[in-house]
C-alpha atoms as a PDB file:
ATOM      1  CA  MET A   1      15.372   3.189   2.065  1.00  0.00           C
ATOM      2  CA  CYS A   2      15.661  -0.060   4.012  1.00  0.00           C
ATOM      3  CA  VAL A   3      15.707   0.828   7.695  1.00  0.00           C
ATOM      4  CA  SER A   4      14.876  -0.849  10.982  1.00  0.00           C
ATOM      5  CA  GLY A   5      11.261  -0.584  11.944  1.00  0.00           C
ATOM      6  CA  VAL A   6       8.042  -1.089  10.087  1.00  0.00           C
ATOM      7  CA  ASP A   7       7.503   0.022   6.511  1.00  0.00           C
ATOM      8  CA  THR A   8       4.303  -0.795   4.714  1.00  0.00           C
ATOM      9  CA  TYR A   9       4.010  -0.800   0.951  1.00  0.00           C
ATOM     10  CA  SER A  10       2.613  -3.045  -1.719  1.00  0.00           C
ATOM     11  CA  ILE A  11       4.402  -5.033  -4.372  1.00  0.00           C
ATOM     12  CA  ALA A  12       2.649  -6.946  -7.120  1.00  0.00           C
ATOM     13  CA  ILE A  13       3.779 -10.206  -8.700  1.00  0.00           C
ATOM     14  CA  ALA A  14       2.218 -11.140 -12.027  1.00  0.00           C
ATOM     15  CA  ALA A  15       2.724 -14.001 -14.467  1.00  0.00           C
ATOM     16  CA  VAL A  16       4.251 -13.213 -17.855  1.00  0.00           C
ATOM     17  CA  ALA A  17       2.063 -14.391 -20.730  1.00  0.00           C
ATOM     18  CA  GLY A  18       3.618 -17.186 -22.740  1.00  0.00           C
ATOM     19  CA  ASN A  19       6.310 -18.101 -20.173  1.00  0.00           C
ATOM     20  CA  VAL A  20       5.145 -20.188 -17.206  1.00  0.00           C
ATOM     21  CA  ALA A  21       8.414 -19.622 -15.300  1.00  0.00           C
ATOM     22  CA  ALA A  22       8.577 -15.826 -15.676  1.00  0.00           C
ATOM     23  CA  VAL A  23       7.045 -13.143 -13.453  1.00  0.00           C
ATOM     24  CA  THR A  24       7.011  -9.364 -13.311  1.00  0.00           C
ATOM     25  CA  ILE A  25       7.400  -7.683  -9.906  1.00  0.00           C
ATOM     26  CA  THR A  26       6.160  -4.120  -9.523  1.00  0.00           C
ATOM     27  CA  ASN A  27       7.258  -1.641  -6.812  1.00  0.00           C
ATOM     28  CA  LEU A  28      10.025  -3.832  -5.305  1.00  0.00           C
ATOM     29  CA  TYR A  29      11.929  -0.890  -3.795  1.00  0.00           C
ATOM     30  CA  ASN A  30       8.799   1.185  -3.087  1.00  0.00           C
ATOM     31  CA  SER A  31       9.878   3.427  -5.945  1.00  0.00           C
ATOM     32  CA  GLY A  32       7.807   2.022  -8.772  1.00  0.00           C
ATOM     33  CA  PHE A  33      10.595  -0.201 -10.139  1.00  0.00           C
ATOM     34  CA  ILE A  34       9.391  -3.025 -12.350  1.00  0.00           C
ATOM     35  CA  VAL A  35      11.713  -6.057 -12.433  1.00  0.00           C
ATOM     36  CA  ASN A  36      11.560  -9.508 -13.943  1.00  0.00           C
ATOM     37  CA  GLY A  37      12.011 -12.765 -12.070  1.00  0.00           C
ATOM     38  CA  THR A  38      12.064 -16.475 -12.705  1.00  0.00           C
ATOM     39  CA  LEU A  39      10.391 -19.206 -10.666  1.00  0.00           C
ATOM     40  CA  ASP A  40      12.888 -21.697  -9.255  1.00  0.00           C
ATOM     41  CA  ALA A  41      12.538 -25.379  -8.319  1.00  0.00           C
ATOM     42  CA  SER A  42      11.817 -24.582  -4.648  1.00  0.00           C
ATOM     43  CA  GLY A  43       8.844 -22.352  -5.507  1.00  0.00           C
ATOM     44  CA  GLY A  44      10.750 -19.130  -4.951  1.00  0.00           C
ATOM     45  CA  ILE A  45      11.574 -16.369  -7.394  1.00  0.00           C
ATOM     46  CA  SER A  46      15.065 -15.417  -8.522  1.00  0.00           C
ATOM     47  CA  ILE A  47      15.567 -11.763  -9.509  1.00  0.00           C
ATOM     48  CA  PRO A  48      18.689 -11.494 -11.670  1.00  0.00           C
ATOM     49  CA  THR A  49      20.637  -8.225 -11.790  1.00  0.00           C
ATOM     50  CA  GLN A  50      18.702  -5.634 -13.776  1.00  0.00           C
ATOM     51  CA  SER A  51      19.802  -2.105 -14.630  1.00  0.00           C
ATOM     52  CA  PHE A  52      17.846   1.109 -14.334  1.00  0.00           C
ATOM     53  CA  GLY A  53      19.628   4.328 -15.247  1.00  0.00           C
ATOM     54  CA  PRO A  54      22.903   4.462 -13.278  1.00  0.00           C
ATOM     55  CA  GLY A  55      21.947   1.653 -10.878  1.00  0.00           C
ATOM     56  CA  ASN A  56      20.943  -1.971 -10.642  1.00  0.00           C
ATOM     57  CA  ILE A  57      18.842  -4.278  -8.488  1.00  0.00           C
ATOM     58  CA  SER A  58      18.868  -8.030  -7.836  1.00  0.00           C
ATOM     59  CA  GLY A  59      17.483 -10.429  -5.263  1.00  0.00           C
ATOM     60  CA  SER A  60      15.066 -13.220  -4.503  1.00  0.00           C
ATOM     61  CA  ILE A  61      11.693 -14.068  -2.985  1.00  0.00           C
ATOM     62  CA  SER A  62      11.357 -17.345  -1.067  1.00  0.00           C
ATOM     63  CA  SER A  63       8.275 -19.530  -1.266  1.00  0.00           C
ATOM     64  CA  SER A  64       7.467 -18.483   2.326  1.00  0.00           C
ATOM     65  CA  GLY A  65       7.440 -14.786   1.398  1.00  0.00           C
ATOM     66  CA  ASP A  66      10.898 -13.625   2.492  1.00  0.00           C
ATOM     67  CA  VAL A  67      12.126 -10.951   0.099  1.00  0.00           C
ATOM     68  CA  SER A  68      15.784  -9.999  -0.105  1.00  0.00           C
ATOM     69  CA  TYR A  69      17.343  -7.623  -2.559  1.00  0.00           C
ATOM     70  CA  THR A  70      20.301  -5.349  -3.111  1.00  0.00           C
ATOM     71  CA  ILE A  71      20.095  -2.076  -4.956  1.00  0.00           C
ATOM     72  CA  THR A  72      23.172  -0.173  -6.109  1.00  0.00           C
ATOM     73  CA  PHE A  73      22.887   3.416  -7.220  1.00  0.00           C
ATOM     74  CA  GLY A  74      25.632   5.952  -7.836  1.00  0.00           C
ATOM     75  CA  GLY A  75      28.274   3.940  -5.968  1.00  0.00           C
ATOM     76  CA  SER A  76      26.075   3.341  -2.888  1.00  0.00           C
ATOM     77  CA  SER A  77      24.480   0.020  -2.021  1.00  0.00           C
ATOM     78  CA  ASP A  78      21.399  -0.841   0.048  1.00  0.00           C
ATOM     79  CA  SER A  79      20.455  -4.403   1.012  1.00  0.00           C
ATOM     80  CA  CYS A  80      17.029  -5.225   2.419  1.00  0.00           C
ATOM     81  CA  VAL A  81      15.231  -8.277   3.747  1.00  0.00           C
ATOM     82  CA  PHE A  82      11.541  -8.269   4.572  1.00  0.00           C
ATOM     83  CA  ARG A  83       8.513 -10.551   4.579  1.00  0.00           C
ATOM     84  CA  ILE A  84       5.486 -10.170   2.371  1.00  0.00           C
ATOM     85  CA  ASN A  85       2.030 -11.430   3.197  1.00  0.00           C
ATOM     86  CA  ILE A  86       1.213 -14.128   0.663  1.00  0.00           C
END
């Protein structure tokens, strides 16, 4: 999924009601995945390892918009880094 070149897709980051440090991120892998993250002291977002079926995903989003994540599925792993427009 993560290849050289230009991919364009949208992700959404939304606050979680009742928890000022928690966010929900939708479409992180351009596959409709919804993951949870936590704001860190530098203004970035930490995405702890979360499972979906036989795989998992984890990563981070920097305060400048750099997104990095690793997805593991069925014994294969894919790591991606990209920049979002914020």
